[in-house]
């Protein structure tokens, strides 16, 4: 029998929760996770339990912001922005202002 894996607070996480998403919803979730700097599991748990998602600035978050901004710029040059794109722009703006320590 293998040893139980505990999280960083000493909890055993033995429950598995799964759900279905469209590819658009999955892409949006992946984007939000990358911009948060958290693992997907930690991000989903924080959102589902109404806990605040605090972005911890690190090189990975900065790289995700850069990649997302390049993607947004490309899409804005090609066509009218979609609702999904506007949500990503809002998330990027919130993240950047939060990293600077400013109010929106």
N, C-alpha and C. Protein backbone atom coordinates (compact mmCIF):
# COMPACT_ATOMS: atom_id res chain seq x y z
N UNK A 1 0.84 -1.17 0.00
CA UNK A 1 0.00 0.00 0.00
C UNK A 1 0.89 1.24 0.00
N UNK A 2 0.55 2.22 -0.82
CA UNK A 2 1.38 3.41 -0.91
C UNK A 2 1.07 4.37 0.23
N UNK A 3 2.02 5.26 0.49
CA UNK A 3 1.86 6.25 1.56
C UNK A 3 0.85 7.31 1.12
N UNK A 4 0.12 7.86 2.09
CA UNK A 4 -0.85 8.91 1.79
C UNK A 4 -0.11 10.20 1.47
N UNK A 5 -0.58 10.90 0.42
CA UNK A 5 0.00 12.18 0.06
C UNK A 5 -0.76 13.28 0.80
N UNK A 6 -0.03 14.10 1.54
CA UNK A 6 -0.63 15.20 2.28
C UNK A 6 -0.29 16.51 1.58
N UNK A 7 -1.20 17.48 1.68
CA UNK A 7 -0.91 18.79 1.11
C UNK A 7 -0.02 19.57 2.06
N UNK A 8 0.28 20.84 1.73
CA UNK A 8 1.22 21.62 2.54
C UNK A 8 0.67 21.97 3.92
N UNK A 9 -0.61 21.74 4.18
CA UNK A 9 -1.19 21.99 5.50
C UNK A 9 -1.46 20.67 6.24
N UNK A 10 -0.92 19.58 5.73
CA UNK A 10 -1.05 18.30 6.39
C UNK A 10 -2.38 17.59 6.17
N UNK A 11 -3.15 18.03 5.19
CA UNK A 11 -4.46 17.40 4.93
C UNK A 11 -4.30 16.31 3.88
N UNK A 12 -5.05 15.25 4.07
CA UNK A 12 -5.10 14.20 3.07
C UNK A 12 -6.26 14.51 2.13
N UNK A 13 -5.97 14.64 0.87
CA UNK A 13 -7.00 14.94 -0.12
C UNK A 13 -7.31 13.68 -0.91
N UNK A 14 -8.29 12.95 -0.41
CA UNK A 14 -8.65 11.67 -1.02
C UNK A 14 -9.88 11.73 -1.90
N UNK A 15 -10.58 12.84 -1.93
CA UNK A 15 -11.80 12.97 -2.74
C UNK A 15 -11.44 13.47 -4.13
N UNK A 16 -12.09 12.90 -5.13
CA UNK A 16 -11.89 13.33 -6.51
C UNK A 16 -13.19 13.94 -7.00
N UNK A 17 -13.11 15.16 -7.50
CA UNK A 17 -14.26 15.86 -8.06
C UNK A 17 -13.94 16.10 -9.54
N UNK A 18 -14.87 15.77 -10.41
CA UNK A 18 -14.63 16.03 -11.83
C UNK A 18 -15.89 16.60 -12.46
N UNK A 19 -15.71 17.30 -13.56
CA UNK A 19 -16.83 17.90 -14.27
C UNK A 19 -16.43 18.12 -15.71
N UNK A 20 -17.42 18.36 -16.54
CA UNK A 20 -17.18 18.57 -17.97
C UNK A 20 -17.22 20.05 -18.29
N UNK A 21 -16.40 20.44 -19.28
CA UNK A 21 -16.35 21.82 -19.75
C UNK A 21 -16.24 21.82 -21.26
N UNK A 22 -16.71 22.91 -21.87
CA UNK A 22 -16.48 23.07 -23.31
C UNK A 22 -15.02 23.46 -23.50
N UNK A 23 -14.54 23.38 -24.72
CA UNK A 23 -13.14 23.75 -24.98
C UNK A 23 -12.91 25.24 -24.70
N UNK A 24 -13.93 26.07 -24.98
CA UNK A 24 -13.79 27.51 -24.70
C UNK A 24 -13.68 27.76 -23.20
N UNK A 25 -14.53 27.08 -22.42
CA UNK A 25 -14.48 27.23 -20.96
C UNK A 25 -13.15 26.72 -20.41
N UNK A 26 -12.68 25.61 -20.96
CA UNK A 26 -11.40 25.05 -20.53
C UNK A 26 -10.25 26.00 -20.83
N UNK A 27 -10.26 26.60 -22.01
CA UNK A 27 -9.21 27.56 -22.37
C UNK A 27 -9.23 28.77 -21.44
N UNK A 28 -10.42 29.26 -21.12
CA UNK A 28 -10.55 30.40 -20.22
C UNK A 28 -10.05 30.03 -18.82
N UNK A 29 -10.40 28.84 -18.35
CA UNK A 29 -9.91 28.39 -17.04
C UNK A 29 -8.40 28.29 -17.04
N UNK A 30 -7.83 27.70 -18.09
CA UNK A 30 -6.38 27.58 -18.18
C UNK A 30 -5.70 28.95 -18.15
N UNK A 31 -6.28 29.92 -18.85
CA UNK A 31 -5.74 31.27 -18.87
C UNK A 31 -5.76 31.88 -17.47
N UNK A 32 -6.89 31.74 -16.79
CA UNK A 32 -7.01 32.29 -15.44
C UNK A 32 -6.04 31.64 -14.47
N UNK A 33 -5.85 30.33 -14.62
CA UNK A 33 -4.91 29.61 -13.75
C UNK A 33 -3.49 30.11 -14.00
N UNK A 34 -3.10 30.25 -15.27
CA UNK A 34 -1.75 30.71 -15.59
C UNK A 34 -1.50 32.11 -15.05
N UNK A 35 -2.49 32.98 -15.15
CA UNK A 35 -2.33 34.35 -14.67
C UNK A 35 -2.33 34.44 -13.15
N UNK A 36 -2.86 33.43 -12.48
CA UNK A 36 -2.90 33.46 -11.01
C UNK A 36 -1.59 33.00 -10.39
N UNK A 37 -0.84 32.16 -11.11
CA UNK A 37 0.39 31.62 -10.55
C UNK A 37 0.15 30.42 -9.65
N UNK A 38 -1.10 30.00 -9.50
CA UNK A 38 -1.45 28.84 -8.67
C UNK A 38 -1.52 27.58 -9.53
N UNK A 39 -1.62 26.45 -8.84
CA UNK A 39 -1.90 25.22 -9.58
C UNK A 39 -3.39 25.24 -9.93
N UNK A 40 -3.77 24.46 -10.91
CA UNK A 40 -5.18 24.41 -11.30
C UNK A 40 -6.03 23.94 -10.12
N UNK A 41 -5.57 22.94 -9.39
CA UNK A 41 -6.31 22.44 -8.24
C UNK A 41 -6.52 23.53 -7.20
N UNK A 42 -5.45 24.25 -6.85
CA UNK A 42 -5.57 25.31 -5.84
C UNK A 42 -6.47 26.44 -6.32
N UNK A 43 -6.37 26.80 -7.60
CA UNK A 43 -7.21 27.87 -8.14
C UNK A 43 -8.69 27.48 -8.07
N UNK A 44 -9.02 26.28 -8.50
CA UNK A 44 -10.41 25.83 -8.50
C UNK A 44 -10.95 25.76 -7.07
N UNK A 45 -10.16 25.23 -6.13
CA UNK A 45 -10.60 25.15 -4.74
C UNK A 45 -10.86 26.54 -4.18
N UNK A 46 -9.97 27.49 -4.45
CA UNK A 46 -10.16 28.86 -3.95
C UNK A 46 -11.42 29.49 -4.53
N UNK A 47 -11.65 29.30 -5.81
CA UNK A 47 -12.84 29.89 -6.44
C UNK A 47 -14.12 29.23 -5.92
N UNK A 48 -14.12 27.93 -5.76
CA UNK A 48 -15.32 27.23 -5.31
C UNK A 48 -15.64 27.49 -3.85
N UNK A 49 -14.64 27.79 -3.05
CA UNK A 49 -14.87 28.05 -1.63
C UNK A 49 -14.94 29.55 -1.34
N UNK A 50 -15.07 30.36 -2.36
CA UNK A 50 -15.16 31.82 -2.23
C UNK A 50 -13.98 32.43 -1.49
N UNK A 51 -12.81 31.83 -1.60
CA UNK A 51 -11.60 32.40 -1.04
C UNK A 51 -10.98 33.34 -2.06
N UNK A 52 -10.28 34.34 -1.57
CA UNK A 52 -9.63 35.28 -2.48
C UNK A 52 -8.46 34.60 -3.17
N UNK A 53 -8.33 34.86 -4.46
CA UNK A 53 -7.20 34.35 -5.22
C UNK A 53 -6.14 35.44 -5.23
N UNK A 54 -5.08 35.25 -4.47
CA UNK A 54 -4.00 36.22 -4.38
C UNK A 54 -2.89 35.80 -5.34
N UNK A 55 -2.60 36.66 -6.29
CA UNK A 55 -1.55 36.36 -7.27
C UNK A 55 -0.20 36.62 -6.62
N UNK A 56 0.65 35.63 -6.68
CA UNK A 56 2.01 35.77 -6.17
C UNK A 56 2.92 36.07 -7.35
N UNK A 57 3.42 37.31 -7.44
CA UNK A 57 4.27 37.65 -8.59
C UNK A 57 5.51 36.76 -8.64
N UNK A 58 5.73 36.19 -9.80
CA UNK A 58 6.92 35.39 -10.03
C UNK A 58 7.17 35.39 -11.54
N UNK A 59 8.31 34.91 -11.98
CA UNK A 59 8.62 34.94 -13.42
C UNK A 59 7.59 34.20 -14.28
N UNK A 60 7.00 33.15 -13.75
CA UNK A 60 6.01 32.39 -14.51
C UNK A 60 4.75 33.23 -14.76
N UNK A 61 4.33 34.02 -13.76
CA UNK A 61 3.15 34.88 -13.92
C UNK A 61 3.46 35.98 -14.93
N UNK A 62 4.64 36.58 -14.83
CA UNK A 62 5.02 37.62 -15.79
C UNK A 62 5.04 37.08 -17.22
N UNK A 63 5.56 35.86 -17.39
CA UNK A 63 5.59 35.26 -18.72
C UNK A 63 4.17 35.01 -19.23
N UNK A 64 3.29 34.51 -18.35
CA UNK A 64 1.90 34.28 -18.74
C UNK A 64 1.22 35.58 -19.14
N UNK A 65 1.49 36.65 -18.39
CA UNK A 65 0.92 37.95 -18.74
C UNK A 65 1.40 38.41 -20.11
N UNK A 66 2.67 38.23 -20.38
CA UNK A 66 3.24 38.65 -21.66
C UNK A 66 2.61 37.86 -22.81
N UNK A 67 2.51 36.55 -22.64
CA UNK A 67 1.93 35.70 -23.68
C UNK A 67 0.47 36.07 -23.92
N UNK A 68 -0.28 36.28 -22.85
CA UNK A 68 -1.70 36.63 -22.99
C UNK A 68 -1.87 38.00 -23.64
N UNK A 69 -1.02 38.95 -23.28
CA UNK A 69 -1.12 40.28 -23.90
C UNK A 69 -0.81 40.22 -25.40
N UNK A 70 0.17 39.40 -25.79
CA UNK A 70 0.47 39.23 -27.21
C UNK A 70 -0.71 38.60 -27.94
N UNK A 71 -1.34 37.62 -27.30
CA UNK A 71 -2.50 36.96 -27.89
C UNK A 71 -3.66 37.95 -28.04
N UNK A 72 -3.89 38.76 -27.02
CA UNK A 72 -4.96 39.77 -27.06
C UNK A 72 -4.70 40.77 -28.18
N UNK A 73 -3.48 41.25 -28.29
CA UNK A 73 -3.14 42.21 -29.33
C UNK A 73 -3.39 41.63 -30.72
N UNK A 74 -2.99 40.38 -30.93
CA UNK A 74 -3.20 39.73 -32.22
C UNK A 74 -4.69 39.63 -32.54
N UNK A 75 -5.48 39.22 -31.56
CA UNK A 75 -6.92 39.06 -31.79
C UNK A 75 -7.59 40.42 -32.02
N UNK A 76 -7.15 41.44 -31.31
CA UNK A 76 -7.74 42.77 -31.50
C UNK A 76 -7.43 43.33 -32.89
N UNK A 77 -6.27 42.99 -33.42
CA UNK A 77 -5.91 43.44 -34.77
C UNK A 77 -6.75 42.74 -35.83
N UNK A 78 -7.17 41.50 -35.56
CA UNK A 78 -7.88 40.71 -36.55
C UNK A 78 -9.37 40.99 -36.62
N UNK A 79 -10.02 41.21 -35.46
CA UNK A 79 -11.47 41.31 -35.46
C UNK A 79 -11.98 42.04 -34.23
N UNK A 80 -13.29 42.18 -34.15
CA UNK A 80 -13.96 42.78 -33.00
C UNK A 80 -13.77 41.88 -31.77
N UNK A 81 -13.51 42.44 -30.59
CA UNK A 81 -13.27 41.59 -29.42
C UNK A 81 -14.52 40.83 -28.98
N UNK A 82 -14.32 39.57 -28.61
CA UNK A 82 -15.42 38.73 -28.10
C UNK A 82 -15.58 38.97 -26.61
N UNK A 83 -16.67 38.44 -26.05
CA UNK A 83 -16.89 38.56 -24.60
C UNK A 83 -15.79 37.86 -23.82
N UNK A 84 -15.33 36.72 -24.35
CA UNK A 84 -14.25 35.97 -23.69
C UNK A 84 -12.97 36.79 -23.67
N UNK A 85 -12.67 37.46 -24.79
CA UNK A 85 -11.47 38.28 -24.87
C UNK A 85 -11.56 39.46 -23.91
N UNK A 86 -12.72 40.07 -23.82
CA UNK A 86 -12.90 41.19 -22.89
C UNK A 86 -12.72 40.75 -21.45
N UNK A 87 -13.16 39.53 -21.13
CA UNK A 87 -12.97 39.00 -19.78
C UNK A 87 -11.49 38.78 -19.48
N UNK A 88 -10.75 38.29 -20.48
CA UNK A 88 -9.31 38.08 -20.31
C UNK A 88 -8.60 39.42 -20.12
N UNK A 89 -9.00 40.44 -20.89
CA UNK A 89 -8.40 41.76 -20.75
C UNK A 89 -8.65 42.31 -19.35
N UNK A 90 -9.86 42.13 -18.84
CA UNK A 90 -10.20 42.60 -17.49
C UNK A 90 -9.35 41.88 -16.46
N UNK A 91 -9.17 40.55 -16.62
CA UNK A 91 -8.37 39.77 -15.69
C UNK A 91 -6.91 40.21 -15.72
N UNK A 92 -6.37 40.46 -16.90
CA UNK A 92 -4.98 40.91 -17.02
C UNK A 92 -4.82 42.26 -16.33
N UNK A 93 -5.77 43.17 -16.56
CA UNK A 93 -5.70 44.50 -15.95
C UNK A 93 -5.76 44.39 -14.43
N UNK A 94 -6.67 43.58 -13.92
CA UNK A 94 -6.78 43.40 -12.47
C UNK A 94 -5.49 42.82 -11.90
N UNK A 95 -4.92 41.85 -12.59
CA UNK A 95 -3.67 41.23 -12.13
C UNK A 95 -2.54 42.24 -12.10
N UNK A 96 -2.40 43.02 -13.17
CA UNK A 96 -1.32 44.00 -13.22
C UNK A 96 -1.46 45.07 -12.14
N UNK A 97 -2.68 45.59 -11.96
CA UNK A 97 -2.88 46.59 -10.91
C UNK A 97 -2.65 45.99 -9.53
N UNK A 98 -3.05 44.75 -9.33
CA UNK A 98 -2.83 44.09 -8.05
C UNK A 98 -1.36 43.88 -7.77
N UNK A 99 -0.58 43.58 -8.80
CA UNK A 99 0.86 43.39 -8.62
C UNK A 99 1.56 44.71 -8.29
N UNK A 100 1.02 45.81 -8.81
CA UNK A 100 1.58 47.12 -8.53
C UNK A 100 1.12 47.66 -7.19
N UNK A 101 0.08 47.03 -6.61
CA UNK A 101 -0.45 47.47 -5.34
C UNK A 101 -1.37 48.68 -5.46
N UNK A 102 -2.02 48.83 -6.61
CA UNK A 102 -2.91 49.95 -6.84
C UNK A 102 -4.34 49.47 -6.88
N UNK A 103 -5.27 50.39 -6.64
CA UNK A 103 -6.70 50.09 -6.79
C UNK A 103 -7.05 50.27 -8.25
N UNK A 104 -8.10 49.56 -8.68
CA UNK A 104 -8.51 49.66 -10.08
C UNK A 104 -9.17 50.99 -10.36
